[in-house]
Amino acid sequence: MRVILILVLFIISLTGYAQSEPPFGDGDTCGVYLPETIATCGELNQTFCPLSRCPLKEYKLSIFNRWGELVFSSTDPTKSWNPNETGERYSGDIFVWQLMYLDAAGLSRKWVGHVTVLR
């Protein structure tokens, strides 16, 4: 059992994305994926944005710092949050995100999670 747990964690860390399976799934056929970790340096995974198998309608992504202050918000699904763009020092912090959209069936979806910003 322990080996399986380690393998699952290894696969998640390689992809860097959390898949929209339970608790995200809930019959949503879009399959939304969100990174669990992004880095402020290096070449890979520097921005935070959802990936989806279908277009997301009535989309809104909000990101909050540990004090509940809004640090990023967008209604454009193609716009990513890049912590380096603001000039603030965000490395080593954990942020809460909230994603709202209509799925392919027209059902309203709302997910909340967190993303870690590494140095």
C-alpha atoms as a PDB file:
ATOM      1  CA  MET A   1       0.000   0.000   0.000  1.00  0.00           C
ATOM      2  CA  ARG A   2       2.795   2.440   0.839  1.00  0.00           C
ATOM      3  CA  VAL A   3       4.478   1.831  -2.533  1.00  0.00           C
ATOM      4  CA  ILE A   4       1.254   2.729  -4.363  1.00  0.00           C
ATOM      5  CA  LEU A   5       0.919   5.952  -2.375  1.00  0.00           C
ATOM      6  CA  ILE A   6       4.486   6.975  -3.208  1.00  0.00           C
ATOM      7  CA  LEU A   7       3.925   6.187  -6.885  1.00  0.00           C
ATOM      8  CA  VAL A   8       0.804   8.344  -7.033  1.00  0.00           C
ATOM      9  CA  LEU A   9       2.586  11.280  -5.397  1.00  0.00           C
ATOM     10  CA  PHE A  10       5.495  10.862  -7.818  1.00  0.00           C
ATOM     11  CA  ILE A  11       3.223  10.985 -10.853  1.00  0.00           C
ATOM     12  CA  ILE A  12       1.461  14.110  -9.596  1.00  0.00           C
ATOM     13  CA  SER A  13       4.758  15.860  -8.937  1.00  0.00           C
ATOM     14  CA  LEU A  14       6.036  15.005 -12.429  1.00  0.00           C
ATOM     15  CA  THR A  15       3.003  16.471 -14.183  1.00  0.00           C
ATOM     16  CA  GLY A  16       2.540  19.330 -11.732  1.00  0.00           C
ATOM     17  CA  TYR A  17      -1.212  19.262 -12.276  1.00  0.00           C
ATOM     18  CA  ALA A  18      -4.176  18.162 -10.202  1.00  0.00           C
ATOM     19  CA  GLN A  19      -6.863  16.560 -12.317  1.00  0.00           C
ATOM     20  CA  SER A  20     -10.544  17.339 -12.004  1.00  0.00           C
ATOM     21  CA  GLU A  21     -11.441  13.891 -10.729  1.00  0.00           C
ATOM     22  CA  PRO A  22     -13.281  13.493  -7.425  1.00  0.00           C
ATOM     23  CA  PRO A  23     -13.775  15.811  -5.680  1.00  0.00           C
ATOM     24  CA  PHE A  24     -13.434  17.893  -8.879  1.00  0.00           C
ATOM     25  CA  GLY A  25     -15.105  15.345 -11.190  1.00  0.00           C
ATOM     26  CA  ASP A  26     -18.745  15.421 -10.152  1.00  0.00           C
ATOM     27  CA  GLY A  27     -19.833  14.528 -13.708  1.00  0.00           C
ATOM     28  CA  ASP A  28     -17.918  17.402 -15.305  1.00  0.00           C
ATOM     29  CA  THR A  29     -16.883  16.159 -18.753  1.00  0.00           C
ATOM     30  CA  CYS A  30     -14.486  19.080 -19.377  1.00  0.00           C
ATOM     31  CA  GLY A  31     -11.726  17.572 -17.228  1.00  0.00           C
ATOM     32  CA  VAL A  32     -10.219  20.715 -15.739  1.00  0.00           C
ATOM     33  CA  TYR A  33      -6.595  20.458 -14.622  1.00  0.00           C
ATOM     34  CA  LEU A  34      -4.828  22.944 -12.330  1.00  0.00           C
ATOM     35  CA  PRO A  35      -1.183  23.059 -11.239  1.00  0.00           C
ATOM     36  CA  GLU A  36      -0.487  22.322  -7.596  1.00  0.00           C
ATOM     37  CA  THR A  37       2.921  23.993  -7.731  1.00  0.00           C
ATOM     38  CA  ILE A  38       4.535  26.678  -9.860  1.00  0.00           C
ATOM     39  CA  ALA A  39       8.078  28.085  -9.743  1.00  0.00           C
ATOM     40  CA  THR A  40       9.235  31.703  -9.931  1.00  0.00           C
ATOM     41  CA  CYS A  41      12.506  30.712 -11.567  1.00  0.00           C
ATOM     42  CA  GLY A  42      13.505  28.185 -14.183  1.00  0.00           C
ATOM     43  CA  GLU A  43      11.906  27.497 -17.536  1.00  0.00           C
ATOM     44  CA  LEU A  44       8.959  25.219 -16.710  1.00  0.00           C
ATOM     45  CA  ASN A  45       5.659  25.759 -14.939  1.00  0.00           C
ATOM     46  CA  GLN A  46       6.076  29.469 -14.122  1.00  0.00           C
ATOM     47  CA  THR A  47       2.409  30.401 -14.556  1.00  0.00           C
ATOM     48  CA  PHE A  48      -0.893  29.273 -13.081  1.00  0.00           C
ATOM     49  CA  CYS A  49      -3.903  28.616 -15.287  1.00  0.00           C
ATOM     50  CA  PRO A  50      -6.414  25.812 -15.716  1.00  0.00           C
ATOM     51  CA  LEU A  51      -6.207  23.419 -18.634  1.00  0.00           C
ATOM     52  CA  SER A  52      -9.422  21.930 -19.959  1.00  0.00           C
ATOM     53  CA  ARG A  53     -10.582  19.519 -22.644  1.00  0.00           C
ATOM     54  CA  CYS A  54     -13.412  21.891 -23.638  1.00  0.00           C
ATOM     55  CA  PRO A  55     -14.002  25.655 -23.685  1.00  0.00           C
ATOM     56  CA  LEU A  56     -15.014  27.089 -20.311  1.00  0.00           C
ATOM     57  CA  LYS A  57     -17.911  29.573 -20.427  1.00  0.00           C
ATOM     58  CA  GLU A  58     -18.630  32.332 -17.909  1.00  0.00           C
ATOM     59  CA  TYR A  59     -15.140  31.739 -16.553  1.00  0.00           C
ATOM     60  CA  LYS A  60     -13.654  33.488 -13.541  1.00  0.00           C
ATOM     61  CA  LEU A  61     -10.378  32.642 -11.814  1.00  0.00           C
ATOM     62  CA  SER A  62      -9.440  34.396  -8.559  1.00  0.00           C
ATOM     63  CA  ILE A  63      -6.250  33.928  -6.533  1.00  0.00           C
ATOM     64  CA  PHE A  64      -5.877  35.079  -2.930  1.00  0.00           C
ATOM     65  CA  ASN A  65      -2.868  35.351  -0.628  1.00  0.00           C
ATOM     66  CA  ARG A  66      -2.744  33.933   2.906  1.00  0.00           C
ATOM     67  CA  TRP A  67      -4.513  37.020   4.275  1.00  0.00           C
ATOM     68  CA  GLY A  68      -7.427  36.697   1.858  1.00  0.00           C
ATOM     69  CA  GLU A  69      -6.319  39.596  -0.331  1.00  0.00           C
ATOM     70  CA  LEU A  70      -7.035  39.215  -4.036  1.00  0.00           C
ATOM     71  CA  VAL A  71      -3.734  39.079  -5.963  1.00  0.00           C
ATOM     72  CA  PHE A  72      -5.099  38.006  -9.370  1.00  0.00           C
ATOM     73  CA  SER A  73      -8.457  37.777 -11.101  1.00  0.00           C
ATOM     74  CA  SER A  74      -9.386  37.063 -14.702  1.00  0.00           C
ATOM     75  CA  THR A  75     -12.443  36.296 -16.794  1.00  0.00           C
ATOM     76  CA  ASP A  76     -10.238  35.316 -19.747  1.00  0.00           C
ATOM     77  CA  PRO A  77      -9.486  31.548 -19.758  1.00  0.00           C
ATOM     78  CA  THR A  78      -6.344  32.139 -21.841  1.00  0.00           C
ATOM     79  CA  LYS A  79      -4.784  34.522 -19.278  1.00  0.00           C
ATOM     80  CA  SER A  80      -2.369  32.959 -16.782  1.00  0.00           C
ATOM     81  CA  TRP A  81      -1.235  34.237 -13.396  1.00  0.00           C
ATOM     82  CA  ASN A  82       2.494  34.850 -13.422  1.00  0.00           C
ATOM     83  CA  PRO A  83       3.723  35.819  -9.930  1.00  0.00           C
ATOM     84  CA  ASN A  84       6.833  37.416 -11.484  1.00  0.00           C
ATOM     85  CA  GLU A  85       4.823  40.010 -13.467  1.00  0.00           C
ATOM     86  CA  THR A  86       3.671  42.058 -10.470  1.00  0.00           C
ATOM     87  CA  GLY A  87       7.081  42.659  -8.941  1.00  0.00           C
ATOM     88  CA  GLU A  88       5.868  41.260  -5.616  1.00  0.00           C
ATOM     89  CA  ARG A  89       7.923  38.549  -3.945  1.00  0.00           C
ATOM     90  CA  TYR A  90       5.632  35.523  -3.882  1.00  0.00           C
ATOM     91  CA  SER A  91       8.133  32.675  -3.773  1.00  0.00           C
ATOM     92  CA  GLY A  92       7.694  30.225  -0.944  1.00  0.00           C
ATOM     93  CA  ASP A  93       4.029  31.131  -0.433  1.00  0.00           C
ATOM     94  CA  ILE A  94       0.789  29.189  -0.732  1.00  0.00           C
ATOM     95  CA  PHE A  95      -2.210  30.795  -2.428  1.00  0.00           C
ATOM     96  CA  VAL A  96      -5.880  29.868  -2.490  1.00  0.00           C
ATOM     97  CA  TRP A  97      -7.582  29.830  -5.869  1.00  0.00           C
ATOM     98  CA  GLN A  98     -11.253  29.831  -6.789  1.00  0.00           C
ATOM     99  CA  LEU A  99     -12.436  28.793 -10.244  1.00  0.00           C
ATOM    100  CA  MET A 100     -15.997  29.290 -11.496  1.00  0.00           C
ATOM    101  CA  TYR A 101     -17.291  28.361 -14.961  1.00  0.00           C
ATOM    102  CA  LEU A 102     -20.070  26.693 -16.914  1.00  0.00           C
ATOM    103  CA  ASP A 103     -19.191  23.199 -18.125  1.00  0.00           C
ATOM    104  CA  ALA A 104     -20.076  21.667 -21.509  1.00  0.00           C
ATOM    105  CA  ALA A 105     -23.535  20.699 -20.205  1.00  0.00           C
ATOM    106  CA  GLY A 106     -24.188  24.288 -19.058  1.00  0.00           C
ATOM    107  CA  LEU A 107     -23.901  23.432 -15.355  1.00  0.00           C
ATOM    108  CA  SER A 108     -22.309  25.957 -13.024  1.00  0.00           C
ATOM    109  CA  ARG A 109     -19.061  24.717 -11.451  1.00  0.00           C
ATOM    110  CA  LYS A 110     -17.098  26.202  -8.565  1.00  0.00           C
ATOM    111  CA  TRP A 111     -13.801  24.748  -7.337  1.00  0.00           C
ATOM    112  CA  VAL A 112     -11.475  25.947  -4.613  1.00  0.00           C
ATOM    113  CA  GLY A 113      -7.908  24.771  -4.058  1.00  0.00           C
ATOM    114  CA  HIS A 114      -4.386  25.958  -3.399  1.00  0.00           C
ATOM    115  CA  VAL A 115      -1.159  26.437  -5.320  1.00  0.00           C
ATOM    116  CA  THR A 116       2.353  26.597  -3.909  1.00  0.00           C
ATOM    117  CA  VAL A 117       4.800  29.086  -5.452  1.00  0.00           C
ATOM    118  CA  LEU A 118       8.387  27.806  -5.196  1.00  0.00           C
ATOM    119  CA  ARG A 119      11.576  29.854  -5.407  1.00  0.00           C
END
